Amino acid sequence: MHLAQNNKVSSLIGLATKAGKTASGEFMTEKTVKEGKAYLVLVAQDASDNTKKKFRNMCEFYQVPICFFSEKESLGHAMGKEVRASLAILDEGFAKTIQSKLALSTTE
């Protein structure tokens, strides 16, 4: 992934967090998905296989898009927090913009 794309996604995560439109950590991410509040789930690429499988299955079941992005440290940093393996975006606009940035980066 290009660094510029990575930075744009991280900035969007930061903006969404400031706007109160993210939920992070395994418990809160899972809770928002099950409540139908999540528009996108981001899971760190260096998260455990168990965590990835759990969120992949859950997102498939609840029909929430999921992306594997960056590392736990970077995800947490983008939110202004400590290490985070997963987070949910709770705003449709942010979710669509992040997805489009991630789609661009996978095709380049």
N, C-alpha and C. Protein backbone atom coordinates (compact mmCIF):
# COMPACT_ATOMS: atom_id res chain seq x y z
N MET A 1 0.85 -1.19 0.00
CA MET A 1 0.00 0.00 0.00
C MET A 1 0.89 1.24 0.00
N HIS A 2 0.48 2.19 -0.78
CA HIS A 2 1.25 3.43 -0.84
C HIS A 2 1.11 4.19 0.47
N LEU A 3 2.20 4.81 0.85
CA LEU A 3 2.22 5.56 2.11
C LEU A 3 1.18 6.68 2.12
N ALA A 4 1.02 7.36 0.99
CA ALA A 4 0.05 8.46 0.92
C ALA A 4 -1.36 7.95 1.17
N GLN A 5 -1.71 6.82 0.58
CA GLN A 5 -3.04 6.23 0.80
C GLN A 5 -3.20 5.84 2.26
N ASN A 6 -2.16 5.23 2.81
CA ASN A 6 -2.17 4.81 4.20
C ASN A 6 -2.41 6.02 5.11
N ASN A 7 -1.71 7.12 4.81
CA ASN A 7 -1.86 8.34 5.61
C ASN A 7 -3.27 8.92 5.49
N LYS A 8 -3.85 8.87 4.29
CA LYS A 8 -5.21 9.39 4.10
C LYS A 8 -6.20 8.58 4.92
N VAL A 9 -6.05 7.28 4.89
CA VAL A 9 -6.96 6.41 5.66
C VAL A 9 -6.77 6.68 7.16
N SER A 10 -5.53 6.80 7.60
CA SER A 10 -5.26 7.10 9.01
C SER A 10 -5.87 8.44 9.42
N SER A 11 -5.76 9.44 8.54
CA SER A 11 -6.35 10.75 8.82
C SER A 11 -7.87 10.65 8.94
N LEU A 12 -8.48 9.88 8.04
CA LEU A 12 -9.93 9.70 8.08
C LEU A 12 -10.36 9.00 9.37
N ILE A 13 -9.56 8.02 9.80
CA ILE A 13 -9.86 7.33 11.07
C ILE A 13 -9.79 8.33 12.22
N GLY A 14 -8.77 9.19 12.18
CA GLY A 14 -8.62 10.22 13.20
C GLY A 14 -9.80 11.18 13.23
N LEU A 15 -10.24 11.61 12.05
CA LEU A 15 -11.39 12.53 11.95
C LEU A 15 -12.66 11.85 12.47
N ALA A 16 -12.86 10.60 12.07
CA ALA A 16 -14.04 9.86 12.52
C ALA A 16 -14.03 9.70 14.04
N THR A 17 -12.84 9.47 14.60
CA THR A 17 -12.71 9.33 16.05
C THR A 17 -13.06 10.63 16.76
N LYS A 18 -12.51 11.74 16.24
CA LYS A 18 -12.82 13.06 16.83
C LYS A 18 -14.31 13.36 16.76
N ALA A 19 -14.96 12.89 15.69
CA ALA A 19 -16.40 13.12 15.51
C ALA A 19 -17.23 12.13 16.34
N GLY A 20 -16.56 11.23 17.05
CA GLY A 20 -17.27 10.25 17.87
C GLY A 20 -17.92 9.16 17.03
N LYS A 21 -17.34 8.89 15.86
CA LYS A 21 -17.94 7.92 14.94
C LYS A 21 -17.12 6.64 14.80
N THR A 22 -16.36 6.29 15.84
CA THR A 22 -15.64 5.02 15.83
C THR A 22 -15.88 4.29 17.15
N ALA A 23 -15.74 2.99 17.08
CA ALA A 23 -15.74 2.15 18.29
C ALA A 23 -14.54 1.23 18.13
N SER A 24 -13.72 1.14 19.16
CA SER A 24 -12.52 0.34 19.00
C SER A 24 -12.39 -0.70 20.09
N GLY A 25 -11.48 -1.63 19.83
CA GLY A 25 -11.31 -2.74 20.75
C GLY A 25 -12.27 -3.85 20.36
N GLU A 26 -11.88 -5.06 20.67
CA GLU A 26 -12.65 -6.22 20.23
C GLU A 26 -14.10 -6.18 20.72
N PHE A 27 -14.31 -5.89 21.99
CA PHE A 27 -15.66 -5.91 22.57
C PHE A 27 -16.57 -4.86 21.94
N MET A 28 -16.09 -3.62 21.86
CA MET A 28 -16.92 -2.53 21.32
C MET A 28 -17.17 -2.70 19.82
N THR A 29 -16.17 -3.18 19.10
CA THR A 29 -16.35 -3.41 17.66
C THR A 29 -17.43 -4.46 17.45
N GLU A 30 -17.32 -5.55 18.19
CA GLU A 30 -18.31 -6.64 18.07
C GLU A 30 -19.70 -6.14 18.45
N LYS A 31 -19.79 -5.36 19.52
CA LYS A 31 -21.08 -4.84 19.99
C LYS A 31 -21.75 -3.97 18.92
N THR A 32 -21.00 -3.07 18.31
CA THR A 32 -21.59 -2.17 17.31
C THR A 32 -22.01 -2.92 16.05
N VAL A 33 -21.25 -3.94 15.67
CA VAL A 33 -21.63 -4.74 14.50
C VAL A 33 -22.96 -5.44 14.78
N LYS A 34 -23.05 -6.06 15.95
CA LYS A 34 -24.27 -6.81 16.30
C LYS A 34 -25.48 -5.90 16.50
N GLU A 35 -25.23 -4.65 16.87
CA GLU A 35 -26.33 -3.68 17.04
C GLU A 35 -26.72 -3.03 15.71
N GLY A 36 -25.98 -3.33 14.65
CA GLY A 36 -26.27 -2.77 13.34
C GLY A 36 -25.81 -1.34 13.18
N LYS A 37 -24.87 -0.90 14.02
CA LYS A 37 -24.39 0.49 13.96
C LYS A 37 -23.12 0.66 13.13
N ALA A 38 -22.44 -0.44 12.83
CA ALA A 38 -21.16 -0.36 12.12
C ALA A 38 -21.38 -0.36 10.61
N TYR A 39 -20.68 0.56 9.93
CA TYR A 39 -20.73 0.62 8.48
C TYR A 39 -19.49 0.00 7.85
N LEU A 40 -18.44 -0.12 8.66
CA LEU A 40 -17.19 -0.70 8.18
C LEU A 40 -16.39 -1.17 9.39
N VAL A 41 -15.76 -2.33 9.26
CA VAL A 41 -14.87 -2.82 10.31
C VAL A 41 -13.46 -2.87 9.75
N LEU A 42 -12.52 -2.33 10.50
CA LEU A 42 -11.11 -2.39 10.13
C LEU A 42 -10.40 -3.27 11.15
N VAL A 43 -9.64 -4.23 10.65
CA VAL A 43 -8.88 -5.12 11.52
C VAL A 43 -7.42 -5.02 11.11
N ALA A 44 -6.55 -4.92 12.09
CA ALA A 44 -5.11 -4.80 11.81
C ALA A 44 -4.61 -6.07 11.13
N GLN A 45 -3.71 -5.88 10.17
CA GLN A 45 -3.15 -7.03 9.45
C GLN A 45 -2.32 -7.93 10.35
N ASP A 46 -1.81 -7.36 11.45
CA ASP A 46 -1.01 -8.18 12.36
C ASP A 46 -1.83 -8.68 13.55
N ALA A 47 -3.15 -8.60 13.44
CA ALA A 47 -4.02 -9.18 14.48
C ALA A 47 -3.90 -10.70 14.41
N SER A 48 -4.26 -11.39 15.47
CA SER A 48 -4.16 -12.85 15.47
C SER A 48 -5.11 -13.45 14.44
N ASP A 49 -4.78 -14.64 13.97
CA ASP A 49 -5.64 -15.33 12.99
C ASP A 49 -7.03 -15.54 13.56
N ASN A 50 -7.09 -15.82 14.86
CA ASN A 50 -8.39 -16.01 15.53
C ASN A 50 -9.25 -14.75 15.43
N THR A 51 -8.63 -13.60 15.72
CA THR A 51 -9.34 -12.32 15.67
C THR A 51 -9.82 -12.04 14.25
N LYS A 52 -8.93 -12.26 13.27
CA LYS A 52 -9.31 -12.02 11.87
C LYS A 52 -10.48 -12.90 11.47
N LYS A 53 -10.41 -14.18 11.83
CA LYS A 53 -11.46 -15.13 11.47
C LYS A 53 -12.78 -14.75 12.14
N LYS A 54 -12.71 -14.39 13.41
CA LYS A 54 -13.90 -14.01 14.16
C LYS A 54 -14.61 -12.83 13.50
N PHE A 55 -13.86 -11.77 13.17
CA PHE A 55 -14.46 -10.59 12.57
C PHE A 55 -14.89 -10.84 11.12
N ARG A 56 -14.12 -11.65 10.39
CA ARG A 56 -14.50 -11.98 9.01
C ARG A 56 -15.85 -12.69 9.01
N ASN A 57 -16.00 -13.68 9.88
CA ASN A 57 -17.26 -14.44 9.96
C ASN A 57 -18.41 -13.55 10.43
N MET A 58 -18.16 -12.75 11.45
CA MET A 58 -19.20 -11.88 12.00
C MET A 58 -19.66 -10.86 10.96
N CYS A 59 -18.70 -10.24 10.27
CA CYS A 59 -19.04 -9.22 9.27
C CYS A 59 -19.79 -9.83 8.09
N GLU A 60 -19.41 -11.05 7.74
CA GLU A 60 -20.12 -11.74 6.66
C GLU A 60 -21.58 -11.99 7.08
N PHE A 61 -21.76 -12.46 8.30
CA PHE A 61 -23.10 -12.76 8.81
C PHE A 61 -23.97 -11.51 8.90
N TYR A 62 -23.41 -10.43 9.42
CA TYR A 62 -24.17 -9.18 9.61
C TYR A 62 -24.10 -8.26 8.38
N GLN A 63 -23.41 -8.72 7.34
CA GLN A 63 -23.27 -7.98 6.08
C GLN A 63 -22.68 -6.58 6.28
N VAL A 64 -21.55 -6.57 6.99
CA VAL A 64 -20.80 -5.33 7.22
C VAL A 64 -19.47 -5.48 6.48
N PRO A 65 -19.09 -4.49 5.66
CA PRO A 65 -17.80 -4.59 4.97
C PRO A 65 -16.64 -4.64 5.97
N ILE A 66 -15.64 -5.43 5.63
CA ILE A 66 -14.46 -5.54 6.50
C ILE A 66 -13.20 -5.34 5.66
N CYS A 67 -12.24 -4.62 6.23
CA CYS A 67 -10.95 -4.41 5.56
C CYS A 67 -9.84 -4.73 6.55
N PHE A 68 -8.79 -5.32 6.03
CA PHE A 68 -7.61 -5.58 6.85
C PHE A 68 -6.60 -4.50 6.48
N PHE A 69 -6.25 -3.68 7.48
CA PHE A 69 -5.48 -2.48 7.20
C PHE A 69 -4.43 -2.23 8.27
N SER A 70 -3.22 -1.95 7.84
CA SER A 70 -2.15 -1.47 8.70
C SER A 70 -1.81 -2.44 9.84
N GLU A 71 -1.14 -1.92 10.87
CA GLU A 71 -0.77 -2.73 12.03
C GLU A 71 -1.52 -2.20 13.25
N LYS A 72 -1.54 -3.02 14.29
CA LYS A 72 -2.26 -2.65 15.52
C LYS A 72 -1.80 -1.30 16.06
N GLU A 73 -0.50 -1.10 16.04
CA GLU A 73 0.05 0.15 16.58
C GLU A 73 -0.42 1.36 15.76
N SER A 74 -0.41 1.22 14.42
CA SER A 74 -0.84 2.31 13.55
C SER A 74 -2.33 2.60 13.68
N LEU A 75 -3.13 1.55 13.82
CA LEU A 75 -4.57 1.74 14.01
C LEU A 75 -4.84 2.53 15.28
N GLY A 76 -4.19 2.12 16.36
CA GLY A 76 -4.34 2.83 17.63
C GLY A 76 -3.86 4.26 17.53
N HIS A 77 -2.72 4.45 16.90
CA HIS A 77 -2.13 5.78 16.74
C HIS A 77 -3.07 6.70 15.96
N ALA A 78 -3.69 6.16 14.91
CA ALA A 78 -4.61 6.96 14.08
C ALA A 78 -5.78 7.46 14.92
N MET A 79 -6.13 6.70 15.95
CA MET A 79 -7.25 7.08 16.83
C MET A 79 -6.78 7.91 18.02
N GLY A 80 -5.48 8.06 18.14
CA GLY A 80 -4.94 8.79 19.29
C GLY A 80 -4.99 7.94 20.55
N LYS A 81 -4.93 6.64 20.37
CA LYS A 81 -5.00 5.71 21.50
C LYS A 81 -3.83 4.73 21.45
N GLU A 82 -3.89 3.77 22.35
CA GLU A 82 -2.87 2.72 22.36
C GLU A 82 -3.16 1.73 21.24
N VAL A 83 -2.49 0.61 21.28
CA VAL A 83 -2.62 -0.44 20.28
C VAL A 83 -4.08 -0.88 20.14
N ARG A 84 -4.56 -0.99 18.90
CA ARG A 84 -5.92 -1.45 18.62
C ARG A 84 -5.88 -2.48 17.50
N ALA A 85 -6.48 -3.64 17.72
CA ALA A 85 -6.52 -4.68 16.68
C ALA A 85 -7.73 -4.52 15.78
N SER A 86 -8.77 -3.86 16.31
CA SER A 86 -9.99 -3.71 15.50
C SER A 86 -10.71 -2.42 15.85
N LEU A 87 -11.44 -1.91 14.86
CA LEU A 87 -12.30 -0.76 15.11
C LEU A 87 -13.44 -0.77 14.11
N ALA A 88 -14.53 -0.15 14.51
CA ALA A 88 -15.70 -0.03 13.64
C ALA A 88 -15.92 1.44 13.33
N ILE A 89 -16.29 1.72 12.08
CA ILE A 89 -16.64 3.08 11.67
C ILE A 89 -18.17 3.16 11.74
N LEU A 90 -18.67 4.14 12.48
CA LEU A 90 -20.11 4.24 12.76
C LEU A 90 -20.81 5.30 11.92
N ASP A 91 -20.13 5.76 10.87
CA ASP A 91 -20.71 6.79 10.01
C ASP A 91 -20.59 6.32 8.56
N GLU A 92 -21.68 6.35 7.83
CA GLU A 92 -21.70 5.84 6.47
C GLU A 92 -20.76 6.61 5.54
N GLY A 93 -20.72 7.94 5.69
CA GLY A 93 -19.84 8.76 4.87
C GLY A 93 -18.37 8.43 5.06
N PHE A 94 -17.94 8.37 6.32
CA PHE A 94 -16.55 8.01 6.62
C PHE A 94 -16.26 6.60 6.09
N ALA A 95 -17.19 5.68 6.32
CA ALA A 95 -16.98 4.29 5.90
C ALA A 95 -16.78 4.19 4.39
N LYS A 96 -17.63 4.88 3.63
CA LYS A 96 -17.52 4.81 2.16
C LYS A 96 -16.23 5.45 1.68
N THR A 97 -15.84 6.57 2.29
CA THR A 97 -14.61 7.25 1.88
C THR A 97 -13.40 6.37 2.18
N ILE A 98 -13.36 5.77 3.37
CA ILE A 98 -12.24 4.90 3.74
C ILE A 98 -12.19 3.69 2.80
N GLN A 99 -13.34 3.10 2.52
CA GLN A 99 -13.37 1.96 1.61
C GLN A 99 -12.85 2.33 0.22
N SER A 100 -13.21 3.51 -0.26
CA SER A 100 -12.73 3.91 -1.59
C SER A 100 -11.22 4.13 -1.58
N LYS A 101 -10.69 4.70 -0.50
CA LYS A 101 -9.24 4.89 -0.40
C LYS A 101 -8.53 3.53 -0.34
N LEU A 102 -9.10 2.58 0.40
CA LEU A 102 -8.49 1.25 0.51
C LEU A 102 -8.60 0.51 -0.81
N ALA A 103 -9.69 0.67 -1.53
CA ALA A 103 -9.86 0.02 -2.84
C ALA A 103 -8.84 0.56 -3.83
N LEU A 104 -8.60 1.88 -3.78
CA LEU A 104 -7.59 2.48 -4.65
C LEU A 104 -6.22 1.90 -4.37
N SER A 105 -5.91 1.74 -3.09
CA SER A 105 -4.57 1.30 -2.71
C SER A 105 -4.34 -0.16 -3.08
N THR A 106 -5.39 -0.98 -3.16
CA THR A 106 -5.18 -2.38 -3.49
C THR A 106 -5.02 -2.59 -4.99
N THR A 107 -5.47 -1.61 -5.78
CA THR A 107 -5.35 -1.76 -7.23
C THR A 107 -4.08 -1.11 -7.78
N GLU A 108 -3.42 -0.30 -6.99
CA GLU A 108 -2.20 0.38 -7.47
C GLU A 108 -0.99 -0.52 -7.39
